């Protein structure tokens, strides 16, 4: 396994690889969710590249850029055990300069839900992902469905800019009690963790309602909100959208995503189910 910290060096190394490349972009603090992406990439490609980079352009002022979990030594060991061929751990100066070209998220889908609560966030996400795609020249890139809106926008970017990379959506990984795995879960105290379980429970409630043929979005959202407001400190949104992130009045089986975002303590968590 090789660790590369310079973008130009990685481009040269990539050019020497003869075969398909699976790419898993991360911000580190790797957990079982990340490992599931790496394992899928390993099974489906000749080579696997994992990036570990806490991208500053996707954090808004006052967010947790400075305290975001960083576990480089552990992450390197995890990658080694998972059979990663190359870890890309760039410095900021290696991928950004002072007078950058910019990529802007789409005016509608990029500024609803997460984009409305974190304006500019997706600009930074798309900016770094475009760079990483160009540096790694990946054949397949693996993203979790937990960041559903991010996944949709990255998929759109590959189509709009005719990028030669296949986006592979991967299922959400949960712990034994149902909470979606996230690096930010480490912020939660024991009591906060218990309350954070309300996010997955609200989605289970929604799933049960749909299974009983309740498809009215407003009724499902009210039931979810009633459950959530008893546990979370701030509910950002409950939303039901189609795969193109258009709001739905009624759940469309096979084409819907039910999403929730909320604060538990000072930690902002997101979760969703694809219906």
C-alpha atoms as a PDB file:
ATOM      1  CA  UNK A   1       0.000   0.000   0.000  1.00  0.00           C
ATOM      2  CA  UNK A   2       1.270   3.446  -0.918  1.00  0.00           C
ATOM      3  CA  UNK A   3       0.475   6.749   0.786  1.00  0.00           C
ATOM      4  CA  UNK A   4       0.571   9.743  -1.542  1.00  0.00           C
ATOM      5  CA  UNK A   5       0.262  13.357  -0.408  1.00  0.00           C
ATOM      6  CA  UNK A   6       0.791  15.258  -3.666  1.00  0.00           C
ATOM      7  CA  UNK A   7      -1.821  15.461  -6.439  1.00  0.00           C
ATOM      8  CA  UNK A   8       0.680  15.481  -9.312  1.00  0.00           C
ATOM      9  CA  UNK A   9       2.480  12.474  -7.860  1.00  0.00           C
ATOM     10  CA  UNK A  10      -0.809  10.587  -7.659  1.00  0.00           C
ATOM     11  CA  UNK A  11      -1.690  11.434 -11.267  1.00  0.00           C
ATOM     12  CA  UNK A  12       1.649   9.990 -12.383  1.00  0.00           C
ATOM     13  CA  UNK A  13       1.127   6.877 -10.273  1.00  0.00           C
ATOM     14  CA  UNK A  14      -2.400   6.462 -11.612  1.00  0.00           C
ATOM     15  CA  UNK A  15      -1.092   6.564 -15.189  1.00  0.00           C
ATOM     16  CA  UNK A  16       1.050   3.519 -14.427  1.00  0.00           C
ATOM     17  CA  UNK A  17      -1.908   1.407 -13.272  1.00  0.00           C
ATOM     18  CA  UNK A  18      -3.161  -1.052 -15.851  1.00  0.00           C
ATOM     19  CA  UNK A  19      -6.736  -1.925 -14.948  1.00  0.00           C
ATOM     20  CA  UNK A  20      -9.892  -0.565 -13.376  1.00  0.00           C
ATOM     21  CA  UNK A  21      -9.703   1.778 -10.393  1.00  0.00           C
ATOM     22  CA  UNK A  22     -12.285   1.933  -7.632  1.00  0.00           C
ATOM     23  CA  UNK A  23     -12.232   5.215  -5.712  1.00  0.00           C
ATOM     24  CA  UNK A  24     -13.632   5.893  -2.247  1.00  0.00           C
ATOM     25  CA  UNK A  25     -13.486   9.563  -1.196  1.00  0.00           C
ATOM     26  CA  UNK A  26     -13.607  10.129   2.573  1.00  0.00           C
ATOM     27  CA  UNK A  27     -12.864  12.741   5.213  1.00  0.00           C
ATOM     28  CA  UNK A  28     -11.257  10.113   7.420  1.00  0.00           C
ATOM     29  CA  UNK A  29     -12.292   8.868  10.869  1.00  0.00           C
ATOM     30  CA  UNK A  30     -13.176   5.674   9.034  1.00  0.00           C
ATOM     31  CA  UNK A  31     -15.931   3.419  10.360  1.00  0.00           C
ATOM     32  CA  UNK A  32     -17.791   0.324   9.165  1.00  0.00           C
ATOM     33  CA  UNK A  33     -19.747   2.414   6.663  1.00  0.00           C
ATOM     34  CA  UNK A  34     -16.539   3.483   4.946  1.00  0.00           C
ATOM     35  CA  UNK A  35     -15.183  -0.054   5.165  1.00  0.00           C
ATOM     36  CA  UNK A  36     -18.257  -1.359   3.335  1.00  0.00           C
ATOM     37  CA  UNK A  37     -17.524   1.045   0.468  1.00  0.00           C
ATOM     38  CA  UNK A  38     -13.876  -0.017   0.366  1.00  0.00           C
ATOM     39  CA  UNK A  39     -14.803  -3.708   0.353  1.00  0.00           C
ATOM     40  CA  UNK A  40     -17.209  -3.178  -2.540  1.00  0.00           C
ATOM     41  CA  UNK A  41     -14.552  -1.238  -4.448  1.00  0.00           C
ATOM     42  CA  UNK A  42     -12.033  -4.006  -3.734  1.00  0.00           C
ATOM     43  CA  UNK A  43     -14.396  -6.676  -5.049  1.00  0.00           C
ATOM     44  CA  UNK A  44     -15.219  -4.815  -8.247  1.00  0.00           C
ATOM     45  CA  UNK A  45     -11.897  -3.286  -9.363  1.00  0.00           C
ATOM     46  CA  UNK A  46      -8.259  -4.121 -10.067  1.00  0.00           C
ATOM     47  CA  UNK A  47      -7.018  -1.262  -7.880  1.00  0.00           C
ATOM     48  CA  UNK A  48      -8.526   0.730  -4.993  1.00  0.00           C
ATOM     49  CA  UNK A  49      -7.723   4.338  -4.098  1.00  0.00           C
ATOM     50  CA  UNK A  50      -9.057   5.917  -0.902  1.00  0.00           C
ATOM     51  CA  UNK A  51      -8.758   9.637  -0.272  1.00  0.00           C
ATOM     52  CA  UNK A  52      -8.621  11.031   3.260  1.00  0.00           C
ATOM     53  CA  UNK A  53      -9.083  14.780   3.229  1.00  0.00           C
ATOM     54  CA  UNK A  54     -11.126  17.067   5.470  1.00  0.00           C
ATOM     55  CA  UNK A  55     -12.244  19.453   2.758  1.00  0.00           C
ATOM     56  CA  UNK A  56     -12.420  23.041   4.052  1.00  0.00           C
ATOM     57  CA  UNK A  57     -14.588  24.436   1.248  1.00  0.00           C
ATOM     58  CA  UNK A  58     -17.647  22.408   2.253  1.00  0.00           C
ATOM     59  CA  UNK A  59     -17.714  23.668   5.844  1.00  0.00           C
ATOM     60  CA  UNK A  60     -19.651  26.836   6.623  1.00  0.00           C
ATOM     61  CA  UNK A  61     -18.477  29.448   9.092  1.00  0.00           C
ATOM     62  CA  UNK A  62     -19.117  28.213  12.619  1.00  0.00           C
ATOM     63  CA  UNK A  63     -19.256  24.543  11.634  1.00  0.00           C
ATOM     64  CA  UNK A  64     -16.962  21.829  12.962  1.00  0.00           C
ATOM     65  CA  UNK A  65     -14.003  22.046  10.555  1.00  0.00           C
ATOM     66  CA  UNK A  66     -11.431  22.446  13.326  1.00  0.00           C
ATOM     67  CA  UNK A  67     -12.802  19.701  15.557  1.00  0.00           C
ATOM     68  CA  UNK A  68     -13.844  17.246  12.850  1.00  0.00           C
ATOM     69  CA  UNK A  69     -12.507  13.804  13.914  1.00  0.00           C
ATOM     70  CA  UNK A  70      -9.031  13.061  12.563  1.00  0.00           C
ATOM     71  CA  UNK A  71      -7.603   9.561  13.082  1.00  0.00           C
ATOM     72  CA  UNK A  72      -4.899   9.245  10.451  1.00  0.00           C
ATOM     73  CA  UNK A  73      -2.947   6.403  12.060  1.00  0.00           C
ATOM     74  CA  UNK A  74      -6.048   4.268  12.600  1.00  0.00           C
ATOM     75  CA  UNK A  75      -7.366   5.114   9.130  1.00  0.00           C
ATOM     76  CA  UNK A  76      -4.135   3.987   7.488  1.00  0.00           C
ATOM     77  CA  UNK A  77      -4.296   0.655   9.329  1.00  0.00           C
ATOM     78  CA  UNK A  78      -7.947   0.155   8.339  1.00  0.00           C
ATOM     79  CA  UNK A  79      -7.110   0.791   4.686  1.00  0.00           C
ATOM     80  CA  UNK A  80      -4.179  -1.597   4.830  1.00  0.00           C
ATOM     81  CA  UNK A  81      -6.331  -4.372   6.290  1.00  0.00           C
ATOM     82  CA  UNK A  82      -9.066  -3.714   3.712  1.00  0.00           C
ATOM     83  CA  UNK A  83      -6.669  -4.165   0.822  1.00  0.00           C
ATOM     84  CA  UNK A  84      -6.414  -0.571  -0.370  1.00  0.00           C
ATOM     85  CA  UNK A  85      -3.652   0.002  -2.916  1.00  0.00           C
ATOM     86  CA  UNK A  86      -3.220   3.779  -2.574  1.00  0.00           C
ATOM     87  CA  UNK A  87      -4.238   6.273   0.100  1.00  0.00           C
ATOM     88  CA  UNK A  88      -4.369   9.880  -1.048  1.00  0.00           C
ATOM     89  CA  UNK A  89      -3.842  12.228   1.906  1.00  0.00           C
ATOM     90  CA  UNK A  90      -3.240  15.630   0.298  1.00  0.00           C
ATOM     91  CA  UNK A  91      -2.364  18.879   1.969  1.00  0.00           C
ATOM     92  CA  UNK A  92      -4.712  21.776   1.293  1.00  0.00           C
ATOM     93  CA  UNK A  93      -2.032  23.463  -0.834  1.00  0.00           C
ATOM     94  CA  UNK A  94      -1.771  20.358  -2.985  1.00  0.00           C
ATOM     95  CA  UNK A  95      -5.360  20.607  -4.208  1.00  0.00           C
ATOM     96  CA  UNK A  96      -6.311  24.296  -3.809  1.00  0.00           C
ATOM     97  CA  UNK A  97      -4.798  27.610  -4.837  1.00  0.00           C
ATOM     98  CA  UNK A  98      -5.582  31.204  -3.925  1.00  0.00           C
ATOM     99  CA  UNK A  99      -7.601  32.083  -7.047  1.00  0.00           C
ATOM    100  CA  UNK A 100      -9.765  29.041  -7.754  1.00  0.00           C
ATOM    101  CA  UNK A 101     -12.197  28.350 -10.541  1.00  0.00           C
ATOM    102  CA  UNK A 102     -15.532  27.576  -8.959  1.00  0.00           C
ATOM    103  CA  UNK A 103     -18.243  24.970  -9.426  1.00  0.00           C
ATOM    104  CA  UNK A 104     -21.712  25.985  -8.302  1.00  0.00           C
ATOM    105  CA  UNK A 105     -24.407  23.570  -7.239  1.00  0.00           C
ATOM    106  CA  UNK A 106     -27.608  23.656  -9.320  1.00  0.00           C
ATOM    107  CA  UNK A 107     -29.887  26.532  -8.385  1.00  0.00           C
ATOM    108  CA  UNK A 108     -32.795  24.361  -7.299  1.00  0.00           C
ATOM    109  CA  UNK A 109     -31.596  20.933  -6.161  1.00  0.00           C
ATOM    110  CA  UNK A 110     -28.433  22.406  -4.680  1.00  0.00           C
ATOM    111  CA  UNK A 111     -30.277  24.882  -2.448  1.00  0.00           C
ATOM    112  CA  UNK A 112     -33.063  22.835  -0.904  1.00  0.00           C
ATOM    113  CA  UNK A 113     -32.899  20.693   2.257  1.00  0.00           C
ATOM    114  CA  UNK A 114     -29.179  20.382   3.071  1.00  0.00           C
ATOM    115  CA  UNK A 115     -28.426  23.171   0.604  1.00  0.00           C
ATOM    116  CA  UNK A 116     -30.936  25.478   2.289  1.00  0.00           C
ATOM    117  CA  UNK A 117     -29.644  24.730   5.781  1.00  0.00           C
ATOM    118  CA  UNK A 118     -25.982  24.868   4.680  1.00  0.00           C
ATOM    119  CA  UNK A 119     -25.835  27.349   1.764  1.00  0.00           C
ATOM    120  CA  UNK A 120     -22.632  26.906  -0.203  1.00  0.00           C
ATOM    121  CA  UNK A 121     -21.943  23.466   1.250  1.00  0.00           C
ATOM    122  CA  UNK A 122     -22.584  21.638  -2.003  1.00  0.00           C
ATOM    123  CA  UNK A 123     -20.442  24.078  -3.970  1.00  0.00           C
ATOM    124  CA  UNK A 124     -17.509  22.917  -1.868  1.00  0.00           C
ATOM    125  CA  UNK A 125     -18.471  19.252  -2.134  1.00  0.00           C
ATOM    126  CA  UNK A 126     -18.711  19.346  -5.919  1.00  0.00           C
ATOM    127  CA  UNK A 127     -15.494  21.345  -6.176  1.00  0.00           C
ATOM    128  CA  UNK A 128     -13.401  18.795  -4.297  1.00  0.00           C
ATOM    129  CA  UNK A 129     -15.081  15.758  -5.866  1.00  0.00           C
ATOM    130  CA  UNK A 130     -14.416  17.124  -9.358  1.00  0.00           C
ATOM    131  CA  UNK A 131     -10.748  17.562  -8.418  1.00  0.00           C
ATOM    132  CA  UNK A 132     -10.520  14.073  -6.940  1.00  0.00           C
ATOM    133  CA  UNK A 133     -12.148  12.487  -9.985  1.00  0.00           C
ATOM    134  CA  UNK A 134      -9.625  14.219 -12.234  1.00  0.00           C
ATOM    135  CA  UNK A 135      -6.663  13.300 -10.026  1.00  0.00           C
ATOM    136  CA  UNK A 136      -7.612   9.629  -9.616  1.00  0.00           C
ATOM    137  CA  UNK A 137      -9.149   9.059 -13.059  1.00  0.00           C
ATOM    138  CA  UNK A 138     -11.394   6.553 -11.303  1.00  0.00           C
ATOM    139  CA  UNK A 139     -13.332   3.908 -13.190  1.00  0.00           C
ATOM    140  CA  UNK A 140     -15.903   3.565 -10.405  1.00  0.00           C
ATOM    141  CA  UNK A 141     -16.528   5.876  -7.438  1.00  0.00           C
ATOM    142  CA  UNK A 142     -18.358   4.692  -4.325  1.00  0.00           C
ATOM    143  CA  UNK A 143     -20.707   6.854  -2.253  1.00  0.00           C
ATOM    144  CA  UNK A 144     -23.074   6.020   0.589  1.00  0.00           C
ATOM    145  CA  UNK A 145     -26.800   6.643   0.300  1.00  0.00           C
ATOM    146  CA  UNK A 146     -26.845   8.349   3.715  1.00  0.00           C
ATOM    147  CA  UNK A 147     -25.759  11.581   2.004  1.00  0.00           C
ATOM    148  CA  UNK A 148     -28.562  11.168  -0.515  1.00  0.00           C
ATOM    149  CA  UNK A 149     -28.677  14.731  -1.791  1.00  0.00           C
ATOM    150  CA  UNK A 150     -24.895  14.796  -2.174  1.00  0.00           C
ATOM    151  CA  UNK A 151     -25.076  11.530  -4.115  1.00  0.00           C
ATOM    152  CA  UNK A 152     -27.736  12.957  -6.443  1.00  0.00           C
ATOM    153  CA  UNK A 153     -25.726  16.122  -7.128  1.00  0.00           C
ATOM    154  CA  UNK A 154     -22.464  14.264  -7.747  1.00  0.00           C
ATOM    155  CA  UNK A 155     -24.303  11.956 -10.147  1.00  0.00           C
ATOM    156  CA  UNK A 156     -25.719  15.012 -11.915  1.00  0.00           C
ATOM    157  CA  UNK A 157     -22.252  16.583 -12.114  1.00  0.00           C
ATOM    158  CA  UNK A 158     -20.823  13.519 -13.827  1.00  0.00           C
ATOM    159  CA  UNK A 159     -23.589  13.726 -16.434  1.00  0.00           C
ATOM    160  CA  UNK A 160     -23.526  17.509 -16.895  1.00  0.00           C
ATOM    161  CA  UNK A 161     -19.743  17.611 -17.316  1.00  0.00           C
ATOM    162  CA  UNK A 162     -19.515  14.299 -19.249  1.00  0.00           C
ATOM    163  CA  UNK A 163     -17.126  12.788 -16.711  1.00  0.00           C
ATOM    164  CA  UNK A 164     -15.885   9.298 -17.459  1.00  0.00           C
ATOM    165  CA  UNK A 165     -16.599   7.775 -14.053  1.00  0.00           C
ATOM    166  CA  UNK A 166     -19.329   5.420 -12.909  1.00  0.00           C
ATOM    167  CA  UNK A 167     -21.059   6.421  -9.649  1.00  0.00           C
ATOM    168  CA  UNK A 168     -21.894   3.437  -7.429  1.00  0.00           C
ATOM    169  CA  UNK A 169     -24.508   4.136  -4.704  1.00  0.00           C
ATOM    170  CA  UNK A 170     -24.013   2.002  -1.588  1.00  0.00           C
ATOM    171  CA  UNK A 171     -26.458   1.104   1.157  1.00  0.00           C
ATOM    172  CA  UNK A 172     -26.480   2.840   4.525  1.00  0.00           C
ATOM    173  CA  UNK A 173     -24.663   0.907   7.254  1.00  0.00           C
ATOM    174  CA  UNK A 174     -26.221   1.001  10.736  1.00  0.00           C
ATOM    175  CA  UNK A 175     -25.073  -0.114  14.142  1.00  0.00           C
ATOM    176  CA  UNK A 176     -26.830  -2.840  16.109  1.00  0.00           C
ATOM    177  CA  UNK A 177     -29.457  -0.396  17.388  1.00  0.00           C
ATOM    178  CA  UNK A 178     -30.220   1.161  14.025  1.00  0.00           C
ATOM    179  CA  UNK A 179     -28.375   4.475  14.055  1.00  0.00           C
ATOM    180  CA  UNK A 180     -26.741   5.337  10.723  1.00  0.00           C
ATOM    181  CA  UNK A 181     -22.971   5.265  11.085  1.00  0.00           C
ATOM    182  CA  UNK A 182     -21.283   8.657  10.862  1.00  0.00           C
ATOM    183  CA  UNK A 183     -17.930  10.080  11.924  1.00  0.00           C
ATOM    184  CA  UNK A 184     -19.889  12.750  13.802  1.00  0.00           C
ATOM    185  CA  UNK A 185     -21.510  10.116  16.015  1.00  0.00           C
ATOM    186  CA  UNK A 186     -18.343  10.304  18.111  1.00  0.00           C
ATOM    187  CA  UNK A 187     -19.524  13.712  19.314  1.00  0.00           C
ATOM    188  CA  UNK A 188     -22.566  12.175  21.032  1.00  0.00           C
ATOM    189  CA  UNK A 189     -22.643  11.530  24.756  1.00  0.00           C
ATOM    190  CA  UNK A 190     -24.334   8.340  25.935  1.00  0.00           C
ATOM    191  CA  UNK A 191     -27.565  10.216  26.624  1.00  0.00           C
ATOM    192  CA  UNK A 192     -27.429  12.006  23.283  1.00  0.00           C
ATOM    193  CA  UNK A 193     -26.872   8.713  21.493  1.00  0.00           C
ATOM    194  CA  UNK A 194     -30.092   7.373  23.031  1.00  0.00           C
ATOM    195  CA  UNK A 195     -31.978  10.421  21.772  1.00  0.00           C
ATOM    196  CA  UNK A 196     -30.305  10.218  18.350  1.00  0.00           C
ATOM    197  CA  UNK A 197     -31.935   6.830  17.847  1.00  0.00           C
ATOM    198  CA  UNK A 198     -35.157   8.758  17.244  1.00  0.00           C
ATOM    199  CA  UNK A 199     -33.988   9.557  13.695  1.00  0.00           C
ATOM    200  CA  UNK A 200     -33.896   5.927  12.586  1.00  0.00           C
ATOM    201  CA  UNK A 201     -37.038   5.185  14.605  1.00  0.00           C
ATOM    202  CA  UNK A 202     -38.907   7.945  12.787  1.00  0.00           C
ATOM    203  CA  UNK A 203     -37.854   6.454   9.469  1.00  0.00           C
ATOM    204  CA  UNK A 204     -38.956   3.003  10.632  1.00  0.00           C
ATOM    205  CA  UNK A 205     -42.311   4.536  11.528  1.00  0.00           C
ATOM    206  CA  UNK A 206     -42.573   6.020   8.043  1.00  0.00           C
ATOM    207  CA  UNK A 207     -41.649   2.686   6.474  1.00  0.00           C
ATOM    208  CA  UNK A 208     -44.307   0.909   8.533  1.00  0.00           C
ATOM    209  CA  UNK A 209     -46.925   3.459   7.459  1.00  0.00           C
ATOM    210  CA  UNK A 210     -46.040   2.977   3.801  1.00  0.00           C
ATOM    211  CA  UNK A 211     -46.186  -0.804   4.259  1.00  0.00           C
ATOM    212  CA  UNK A 212     -49.746  -0.331   5.521  1.00  0.00           C
ATOM    213  CA  UNK A 213     -50.573   1.648   2.346  1.00  0.00           C
ATOM    214  CA  UNK A 214     -50.387   5.116   3.907  1.00  0.00           C
ATOM    215  CA  UNK A 215     -48.821   7.135   1.076  1.00  0.00           C
ATOM    216  CA  UNK A 216     -49.904  10.668   2.020  1.00  0.00           C
ATOM    217  CA  UNK A 217     -46.672  12.592   2.581  1.00  0.00           C
ATOM    218  CA  UNK A 218     -48.197  15.128   4.961  1.00  0.00           C
ATOM    219  CA  UNK A 219     -49.557  12.424   7.286  1.00  0.00           C
ATOM    220  CA  UNK A 220     -46.249  10.563   7.296  1.00  0.00           C
ATOM    221  CA  UNK A 221     -44.292  13.729   8.028  1.00  0.00           C
ATOM    222  CA  UNK A 222     -46.600  14.729  10.888  1.00  0.00           C
ATOM    223  CA  UNK A 223     -46.163  11.305  12.504  1.00  0.00           C
ATOM    224  CA  UNK A 224     -42.393  11.501  12.125  1.00  0.00           C
ATOM    225  CA  UNK A 225     -42.238  15.048  13.489  1.00  0.00           C
ATOM    226  CA  UNK A 226     -44.338  14.069  16.517  1.00  0.00           C
ATOM    227  CA  UNK A 227     -41.853  11.302  17.332  1.00  0.00           C
ATOM    228  CA  UNK A 228     -38.757  13.375  16.676  1.00  0.00           C
ATOM    229  CA  UNK A 229     -39.669  16.514  18.581  1.00  0.00           C
ATOM    230  CA  UNK A 230     -39.863  14.488  21.786  1.00  0.00           C
ATOM    231  CA  UNK A 231     -36.162  13.594  21.512  1.00  0.00           C
ATOM    232  CA  UNK A 232     -34.111  15.956  19.368  1.00  0.00           C
ATOM    233  CA  UNK A 233     -33.058  19.473  20.332  1.00  0.00           C
ATOM    234  CA  UNK A 234     -33.791  20.988  16.941  1.00  0.00           C
ATOM    235  CA  UNK A 235     -35.545  19.469  13.938  1.00  0.00           C
ATOM    236  CA  UNK A 236     -34.179  20.901  10.702  1.00  0.00           C
ATOM    237  CA  UNK A 237     -36.483  19.081   8.339  1.00  0.00           C
ATOM    238  CA  UNK A 238     -38.472  16.006   7.455  1.00  0.00           C
ATOM    239  CA  UNK A 239     -38.906  15.642   3.708  1.00  0.00           C
ATOM    240  CA  UNK A 240     -40.307  13.194   1.188  1.00  0.00           C
ATOM    241  CA  UNK A 241     -38.923  13.581  -2.312  1.00  0.00           C
ATOM    242  CA  UNK A 242     -38.474  11.547  -5.472  1.00  0.00           C
ATOM    243  CA  UNK A 243     -35.081  10.405  -6.722  1.00  0.00           C
ATOM    244  CA  UNK A 244     -34.669  13.760  -8.490  1.00  0.00           C
ATOM    245  CA  UNK A 245     -35.342  15.556  -5.180  1.00  0.00           C
ATOM    246  CA  UNK A 246     -38.715  16.935  -6.193  1.00  0.00           C
ATOM    247  CA  UNK A 247     -41.134  17.183  -3.277  1.00  0.00           C
ATOM    248  CA  UNK A 248     -43.858  14.550  -3.310  1.00  0.00           C
ATOM    249  CA  UNK A 249     -47.434  14.851  -2.075  1.00  0.00           C
ATOM    250  CA  UNK A 250     -47.688  11.078  -2.098  1.00  0.00           C
ATOM    251  CA  UNK A 251     -44.987   8.440  -1.718  1.00  0.00           C
ATOM    252  CA  UNK A 252     -44.119   6.773  -5.008  1.00  0.00           C
ATOM    253  CA  UNK A 253     -42.982   3.223  -4.301  1.00  0.00           C
ATOM    254  CA  UNK A 254     -39.593   2.629  -5.911  1.00  0.00           C
ATOM    255  CA  UNK A 255     -38.970   6.333  -6.512  1.00  0.00           C
ATOM    256  CA  UNK A 256     -39.033   8.025  -3.102  1.00  0.00           C
ATOM    257  CA  UNK A 257     -36.575   9.069  -0.422  1.00  0.00           C
ATOM    258  CA  UNK A 258     -37.718   9.990   3.083  1.00  0.00           C
ATOM    259  CA  UNK A 259     -35.167  12.222   4.801  1.00  0.00           C
ATOM    260  CA  UNK A 260     -34.604  13.726   8.218  1.00  0.00           C
ATOM    261  CA  UNK A 261     -32.063  16.163   9.660  1.00  0.00           C
ATOM    262  CA  UNK A 262     -31.887  17.195  13.299  1.00  0.00           C
ATOM    263  CA  UNK A 263     -29.616  18.414  16.083  1.00  0.00           C
ATOM    264  CA  UNK A 264     -29.032  16.243  19.130  1.00  0.00           C
ATOM    265  CA  UNK A 265     -27.090  18.403  21.521  1.00  0.00           C
ATOM    266  CA  UNK A 266     -24.678  20.326  19.301  1.00  0.00           C
ATOM    267  CA  UNK A 267     -24.380  17.510  16.767  1.00  0.00           C
ATOM    268  CA  UNK A 268     -26.250  17.712  13.496  1.00  0.00           C
ATOM    269  CA  UNK A 269     -27.292  14.306  12.143  1.00  0.00           C
ATOM    270  CA  UNK A 270     -28.958  13.194   8.920  1.00  0.00           C
ATOM    271  CA  UNK A 271     -30.602   9.948   7.898  1.00  0.00           C
ATOM    272  CA  UNK A 272     -32.928   8.615   5.237  1.00  0.00           C
ATOM    273  CA  UNK A 273     -34.611   5.585   3.711  1.00  0.00           C
ATOM    274  CA  UNK A 274     -35.149   4.852   0.028  1.00  0.00           C
ATOM    275  CA  UNK A 275     -38.685   3.598  -0.530  1.00  0.00           C
END
